[in-house]
Amino acid sequence: MKNRATQLTLLLPALVAALCSCTRSATRVRLPSDLQADLRENESQNDVVPVAVHGTEIQVFLTTGRRAVSERMPYVLAVSISPDGAKCAIVGVQDRSTVSFLDVDSGSVTGGLKISPHVWDGAISNQGAIAVTLDEGWGESAREGPLVVFQPGSDGPIRVAAAGRSPSFPSDGGELVYEDNGRIIVHSISSKTGRAIASGMDPSVSPDGLRIAFRSADGYFHVVDRFGKQDKRLVRSDGIVGRLSWDPSSEYLLYLRGLLGVWEAPLDIARLEEMKKVIAIRCRDGRAGVLGGVPGYTSPADFAWVKSRALRLRAADVR
């Protein structure tokens, strides 16, 4: 025990230095010039910016670098952004059965939808519907339960599937895409019927409803049409944290490439100088680049595109 304590004491200065290095280099942007021009135009003309919502911060990834712009929120456990980037539903760490609504322009949190049992993951539509996977059990016995949808003004949830995760809405809110035991399902809200279109996990449907990105068993993310056809292999999935996120125009995707095993013994100090990289990709040609990074010791609840002029301007003013 004493030897272990001595080793940790000797490692501490190097660990602190590595973490500081992560923080200093986290704003580096490495984008092909044509992709950077496209994303900058998207920022300035459409007020659409990639964000990470985690802890009490909203971090905006401008083409000029990462900016943390808010510390006024309660601690966030999970977040979902609507396809148009205008609505944000959050689950706070203090109460995993309450879904609140975040105003990204002001950072204020309002409302609260009590859901029992706890929420595992979820999605919000442009129309304000909430799809969540419920938590069954507690502690070590916890497991994913049914997938349900709460419609605005409804008396209670609509059960979609006995098991389902990673729900995702297109802009019209007429369908819900989710994963069920390794199958990608497209579910019609009105007819309450679903069809399997592919094998995989971590699906996300484009806002226009025409394409679905998902993680395949072949080690890549693929994009298919809503019938599972026109398959396009996009990017290797190893090291990617979570699923891909579409921007409101359905032209760009966002993802987080993480570092696996950094914190496993023995501690890899050298790799701490690398970061989880926030990467934007143009769907039509696969051109990709790094928008910035977050230190390896952070675990953002979610990455998504937000449409907010106020948020973009505030981020641009942060130094």
Protein backbone atom coordinates (compact mmCIF):
# COMPACT_ATOMS: atom_id res chain seq x y z
CA MET A 1 0.00 0.00 0.00
CA LYS A 2 2.81 2.38 0.92
CA ASN A 3 4.61 1.67 -2.38
CA ARG A 4 1.41 2.33 -4.33
CA ALA A 5 0.96 5.64 -2.51
CA THR A 6 4.56 6.59 -3.31
CA GLN A 7 4.04 5.77 -7.00
CA LEU A 8 0.91 7.89 -7.14
CA THR A 9 2.71 10.77 -5.44
CA LEU A 10 5.49 10.61 -8.02
CA LEU A 11 2.96 10.48 -10.87
CA LEU A 12 0.91 13.43 -9.65
CA PRO A 13 3.07 16.27 -11.10
CA ALA A 14 3.13 14.58 -14.52
CA LEU A 15 -0.61 13.96 -14.34
CA VAL A 16 -1.34 17.61 -13.53
CA ALA A 17 0.95 18.75 -16.34
CA ALA A 18 -0.75 16.42 -18.82
CA LEU A 19 -4.21 17.63 -17.83
CA CYS A 20 -3.12 21.25 -18.19
CA SER A 21 -1.71 20.42 -21.60
CA CYS A 22 -5.07 18.87 -22.57
CA THR A 23 -6.92 22.02 -21.55
CA ARG A 24 -4.55 24.37 -23.37
CA SER A 25 -4.64 22.41 -26.63
CA ALA A 26 -8.38 21.69 -26.57
CA THR A 27 -9.22 24.68 -28.80
CA ARG A 28 -7.17 23.60 -31.82
CA VAL A 29 -9.26 23.44 -34.96
CA ARG A 30 -8.07 21.29 -37.85
CA LEU A 31 -10.52 21.49 -40.74
CA PRO A 32 -10.03 21.24 -44.51
CA SER A 33 -10.41 24.79 -45.88
CA ASP A 34 -13.52 24.01 -47.93
CA LEU A 35 -15.26 22.31 -44.98
CA GLN A 36 -14.26 25.15 -42.66
CA ALA A 37 -15.75 27.66 -45.11
CA ASP A 38 -19.02 25.70 -45.27
CA LEU A 39 -19.29 25.41 -41.50
CA ARG A 40 -18.43 29.08 -40.99
CA GLU A 41 -21.19 30.04 -43.42
CA ASN A 42 -23.57 27.77 -41.51
CA GLU A 43 -22.59 29.57 -38.30
CA SER A 44 -22.96 33.10 -39.63
CA GLN A 45 -26.00 32.72 -41.87
CA ASN A 46 -28.03 30.08 -40.02
CA ASP A 47 -26.79 30.54 -36.43
CA VAL A 48 -26.21 26.78 -36.20
CA VAL A 49 -23.32 25.72 -33.95
CA PRO A 50 -22.15 22.37 -32.55
CA VAL A 51 -22.36 22.19 -28.75
CA ALA A 52 -21.53 19.91 -25.84
CA VAL A 53 -23.82 20.12 -22.82
CA HIS A 54 -22.25 18.60 -19.73
CA GLY A 55 -21.92 19.44 -16.09
CA THR A 56 -23.12 23.03 -15.75
CA GLU A 57 -21.62 24.22 -19.04
CA ILE A 58 -22.64 24.64 -22.63
CA GLN A 59 -19.51 24.44 -24.77
CA VAL A 60 -19.79 25.83 -28.28
CA PHE A 61 -17.43 24.56 -30.98
CA LEU A 62 -16.96 27.48 -33.34
CA THR A 63 -14.68 27.10 -36.36
CA THR A 64 -12.30 29.42 -34.47
CA GLY A 65 -12.16 27.19 -31.41
CA ARG A 66 -14.05 25.84 -28.42
CA ARG A 67 -15.87 28.27 -26.11
CA ALA A 68 -17.54 27.56 -22.74
CA VAL A 69 -20.42 30.00 -22.42
CA SER A 70 -22.74 29.00 -19.56
CA GLU A 71 -22.48 28.03 -15.92
CA ARG A 72 -26.03 28.87 -14.89
CA MET A 73 -27.63 25.48 -15.37
CA PRO A 74 -28.22 22.72 -12.85
CA TYR A 75 -25.92 19.75 -13.28
CA VAL A 76 -26.91 17.90 -16.47
CA LEU A 77 -26.91 14.11 -16.70
CA ALA A 78 -28.32 13.73 -20.21
CA VAL A 79 -29.52 16.04 -22.97
CA SER A 80 -31.51 15.83 -26.19
CA ILE A 81 -31.68 18.52 -28.90
CA SER A 82 -34.63 18.64 -31.32
CA PRO A 83 -33.93 18.14 -35.07
CA ASP A 84 -34.29 21.89 -35.79
CA GLY A 85 -31.82 22.70 -33.01
CA ALA A 86 -34.32 24.95 -31.25
CA LYS A 87 -35.50 22.81 -28.33
CA CYS A 88 -33.43 21.14 -25.63
CA ALA A 89 -34.65 18.59 -23.07
CA ILE A 90 -32.39 17.73 -20.14
CA VAL A 91 -32.29 15.23 -17.32
CA GLY A 92 -30.65 16.53 -14.14
CA VAL A 93 -28.39 14.38 -12.01
CA GLN A 94 -30.38 15.26 -8.89
CA ASP A 95 -33.54 13.61 -10.19
CA ARG A 96 -33.33 11.15 -13.06
CA SER A 97 -37.13 10.98 -13.27
CA THR A 98 -37.60 14.67 -14.20
CA VAL A 99 -37.16 15.94 -17.75
CA SER A 100 -36.79 19.73 -17.90
CA PHE A 101 -36.45 22.16 -20.78
CA LEU A 102 -33.35 24.28 -21.37
CA ASP A 103 -33.48 27.68 -23.05
CA VAL A 104 -30.13 27.67 -24.82
CA ASP A 105 -30.34 31.43 -25.48
CA SER A 106 -30.46 32.32 -21.78
CA GLY A 107 -29.23 29.15 -20.06
CA SER A 108 -32.40 29.05 -17.93
CA VAL A 109 -34.25 25.82 -17.16
CA THR A 110 -38.04 25.66 -17.06
CA GLY A 111 -40.85 23.15 -16.68
CA GLY A 112 -40.53 19.58 -15.64
CA LEU A 113 -42.06 16.32 -16.83
CA LYS A 114 -42.11 13.73 -14.06
CA ILE A 115 -41.41 10.28 -15.44
CA SER A 116 -41.45 7.11 -13.38
CA PRO A 117 -39.34 5.03 -13.23
CA HIS A 118 -36.08 6.76 -14.15
CA VAL A 119 -35.06 7.75 -17.67
CA TRP A 120 -32.33 5.80 -19.47
CA ASP A 121 -32.06 7.91 -22.64
CA GLY A 122 -34.42 9.94 -24.80
CA ALA A 123 -35.18 12.35 -27.64
CA ILE A 124 -37.28 15.48 -28.18
CA SER A 125 -39.12 16.30 -31.41
CA ASN A 126 -39.67 19.71 -33.04
CA GLN A 127 -43.30 19.41 -31.91
CA GLY A 128 -42.32 18.87 -28.26
CA ALA A 129 -42.93 15.10 -28.02
CA ILE A 130 -40.56 13.26 -25.67
CA ALA A 131 -39.41 9.68 -26.36
CA VAL A 132 -37.63 7.95 -23.48
CA THR A 133 -36.33 4.53 -22.59
CA LEU A 134 -37.41 3.82 -19.03
CA ASP A 135 -35.17 2.37 -16.37
CA GLU A 136 -36.31 -0.84 -14.66
CA GLY A 137 -34.83 -1.95 -11.37
CA TRP A 138 -32.26 -0.14 -9.27
CA GLY A 139 -28.52 -0.34 -8.62
CA GLU A 140 -26.88 -3.48 -9.97
CA SER A 141 -30.24 -4.88 -11.04
CA ALA A 142 -31.06 -1.85 -13.22
CA ARG A 143 -31.84 -2.59 -16.86
CA GLU A 144 -33.40 -0.89 -19.82
CA GLY A 145 -37.17 -1.07 -19.90
CA PRO A 146 -39.84 -0.08 -22.43
CA LEU A 147 -39.60 2.76 -24.95
CA VAL A 148 -42.46 5.26 -24.56
CA VAL A 149 -43.52 8.59 -26.09
CA PHE A 150 -45.08 11.52 -24.23
CA GLN A 151 -47.06 13.76 -26.59
CA PRO A 152 -47.70 17.41 -25.62
CA GLY A 153 -50.98 17.68 -23.72
CA SER A 154 -51.47 13.93 -23.46
CA ASP A 155 -52.59 12.23 -20.26
CA GLY A 156 -49.82 9.65 -20.26
CA PRO A 157 -47.17 7.86 -22.29
CA ILE A 158 -47.70 5.85 -25.45
CA ARG A 159 -45.83 2.55 -25.37
CA VAL A 160 -43.76 2.05 -28.52
CA ALA A 161 -41.81 -1.12 -27.74
CA ALA A 162 -41.14 -3.49 -24.85
CA ALA A 163 -37.44 -2.76 -25.33
CA GLY A 164 -35.81 0.03 -27.32
CA ARG A 165 -33.00 2.53 -27.00
CA SER A 166 -31.37 5.51 -28.78
CA PRO A 167 -34.65 7.04 -30.03
CA SER A 168 -34.41 9.74 -32.71
CA PHE A 169 -37.09 11.93 -34.38
CA PRO A 170 -37.08 13.47 -37.87
CA SER A 171 -38.32 17.07 -38.22
CA ASP A 172 -41.97 16.22 -38.92
CA GLY A 173 -42.19 14.02 -35.82
CA GLY A 174 -44.20 11.43 -37.73
CA GLU A 175 -41.75 8.59 -37.15
CA LEU A 176 -39.41 7.43 -34.43
CA VAL A 177 -36.17 5.60 -35.19
CA TYR A 178 -34.63 3.44 -32.48
CA GLU A 179 -32.60 0.31 -31.77
CA ASP A 180 -34.17 -2.92 -30.55
CA ASN A 181 -31.78 -5.80 -29.80
CA GLY A 182 -29.35 -4.97 -32.59
CA ARG A 183 -32.00 -4.00 -35.16
CA ILE A 184 -32.68 -0.48 -36.45
CA ILE A 185 -36.44 0.14 -36.32
CA VAL A 186 -38.47 2.85 -38.07
CA HIS A 187 -41.74 3.27 -36.15
CA SER A 188 -44.79 5.18 -37.42
CA ILE A 189 -46.31 7.28 -34.63
CA SER A 190 -49.78 7.42 -36.27
CA SER A 191 -50.16 3.77 -37.31
CA LYS A 192 -48.16 2.43 -34.31
CA THR A 193 -46.32 0.00 -36.56
CA GLY A 194 -42.60 -0.49 -37.05
CA ARG A 195 -40.26 -2.12 -39.51
CA ALA A 196 -36.64 -3.23 -39.22
CA ILE A 197 -34.41 -1.67 -41.89
CA ALA A 198 -30.90 -2.74 -40.85
CA SER A 199 -28.79 -4.47 -38.23
CA GLY A 200 -26.84 -2.17 -35.94
CA MET A 201 -27.03 0.24 -33.03
CA ASP A 202 -26.81 3.96 -32.11
CA PRO A 203 -29.17 5.17 -34.86
CA SER A 204 -29.83 8.84 -35.63
CA VAL A 205 -32.28 9.99 -38.27
CA SER A 206 -31.56 13.10 -40.37
CA PRO A 207 -33.94 16.03 -39.74
CA ASP A 208 -35.39 15.72 -43.26
CA GLY A 209 -36.23 12.09 -42.45
CA LEU A 210 -34.51 10.75 -45.56
CA ARG A 211 -31.35 9.19 -44.09
CA ILE A 212 -30.37 7.24 -40.99
CA ALA A 213 -26.85 6.97 -39.60
CA PHE A 214 -26.04 3.97 -37.40
CA ARG A 215 -23.18 1.89 -36.02
CA SER A 216 -22.79 -1.39 -37.92
CA ALA A 217 -21.21 -4.67 -36.80
CA ASP A 218 -18.54 -4.26 -39.52
CA GLY A 219 -16.81 -1.57 -37.44
CA TYR A 220 -18.12 1.45 -39.38
CA PHE A 221 -20.93 3.96 -39.19
CA HIS A 222 -23.20 3.68 -42.20
CA VAL A 223 -25.84 5.96 -43.68
CA VAL A 224 -28.91 4.44 -45.37
CA ASP A 225 -32.24 5.77 -46.60
CA ARG A 226 -35.37 5.29 -44.51
CA PHE A 227 -35.94 1.89 -46.15
CA GLY A 228 -32.43 0.62 -45.41
CA LYS A 229 -31.27 1.07 -49.02
CA GLN A 230 -28.55 3.24 -50.67
CA ASP A 231 -26.01 2.12 -48.06
CA LYS A 232 -22.99 4.41 -47.69
CA ARG A 233 -20.09 3.50 -45.42
CA LEU A 234 -19.08 6.68 -43.62
CA VAL A 235 -16.47 6.47 -40.86
CA ARG A 236 -14.84 3.84 -38.62
CA SER A 237 -16.82 3.45 -35.42
CA ASP A 238 -14.07 2.30 -33.07
CA GLY A 239 -13.39 4.93 -30.43
CA ILE A 240 -16.50 6.96 -31.29
CA VAL A 241 -18.47 7.82 -28.16
CA GLY A 242 -22.24 7.51 -28.65
CA ARG A 243 -23.97 8.14 -31.95
CA LEU A 244 -23.61 10.63 -34.79
CA SER A 245 -25.59 13.88 -34.62
CA TRP A 246 -27.15 15.57 -37.67
CA ASP A 247 -27.28 19.33 -38.14
CA PRO A 248 -30.70 20.89 -38.96
CA SER A 249 -29.90 21.05 -42.70
CA SER A 250 -29.15 17.29 -42.84
CA GLU A 251 -25.83 18.17 -44.51
CA TYR A 252 -23.38 17.66 -41.65
CA LEU A 253 -22.75 15.15 -38.90
CA LEU A 254 -21.02 15.59 -35.55
CA TYR A 255 -19.34 12.97 -33.42
CA LEU A 256 -16.97 12.53 -30.50
CA ARG A 257 -13.89 10.34 -30.92
CA GLY A 258 -12.71 9.27 -27.49
CA LEU A 259 -9.69 7.58 -26.03
CA LEU A 260 -10.33 4.16 -24.58
CA GLY A 261 -8.31 2.80 -21.71
CA VAL A 262 -6.60 6.06 -20.71
CA TRP A 263 -7.57 5.67 -17.09
CA GLU A 264 -6.89 1.96 -16.82
CA ALA A 265 -3.87 0.76 -14.83
CA PRO A 266 -1.09 1.40 -15.54
CA LEU A 267 -1.99 5.06 -16.06
CA ASP A 268 -0.99 6.21 -19.56
CA ILE A 269 0.29 9.75 -18.97
CA ALA A 270 1.43 10.24 -22.57
CA ARG A 271 -2.02 9.53 -23.98
CA LEU A 272 -3.58 12.10 -21.66
CA GLU A 273 -2.04 14.72 -23.92
CA GLU A 274 -4.50 13.58 -26.53
CA MET A 275 -8.16 14.52 -26.18
CA LYS A 276 -11.58 13.35 -27.05
CA LYS A 277 -11.93 15.08 -30.40
CA VAL A 278 -15.13 16.75 -31.60
CA ILE A 279 -15.30 16.02 -35.32
CA ALA A 280 -17.57 17.44 -38.01
CA ILE A 281 -18.16 15.53 -41.22
CA ARG A 282 -19.84 16.64 -44.45
CA CYS A 283 -22.18 13.85 -45.40
CA ARG A 284 -22.14 14.25 -49.18
CA ASP A 285 -18.42 13.58 -49.60
CA GLY A 286 -17.18 12.36 -46.21
CA ARG A 287 -14.84 15.35 -45.72
CA ALA A 288 -14.10 15.64 -41.99
CA GLY A 289 -12.07 17.69 -39.55
CA VAL A 290 -11.54 18.43 -35.88
CA LEU A 291 -13.57 21.29 -34.41
CA GLY A 292 -11.81 21.06 -31.07
CA GLY A 293 -11.41 18.71 -28.15
CA VAL A 294 -12.37 18.11 -24.58
CA PRO A 295 -9.94 16.80 -21.95
CA GLY A 296 -9.94 13.05 -21.48
CA TYR A 297 -11.30 13.34 -17.96
CA THR A 298 -14.62 14.89 -19.02
CA SER A 299 -17.71 12.92 -20.01
CA PRO A 300 -20.10 15.18 -21.93
CA ALA A 301 -23.73 14.17 -21.72
CA ASP A 302 -24.28 14.79 -25.42
CA PHE A 303 -23.06 16.54 -28.54
CA ALA A 304 -25.51 18.12 -30.95
CA TRP A 305 -26.16 21.09 -33.22
CA VAL A 306 -28.06 24.04 -31.74
CA LYS A 307 -29.71 26.92 -33.60
CA SER A 308 -29.24 30.02 -31.46
CA ARG A 309 -28.00 33.44 -32.53
CA ALA A 310 -27.62 34.57 -28.91
CA LEU A 311 -25.53 31.52 -28.02
CA ARG A 312 -23.30 31.93 -31.08
CA LEU A 313 -22.63 35.60 -30.35
CA ARG A 314 -21.95 34.96 -26.65
CA ALA A 315 -19.51 32.19 -27.54
CA ALA A 316 -17.72 34.48 -30.01
CA ASP A 317 -17.21 37.02 -27.20
CA VAL A 318 -15.57 34.51 -24.83
CA ARG A 319 -11.78 34.69 -24.72
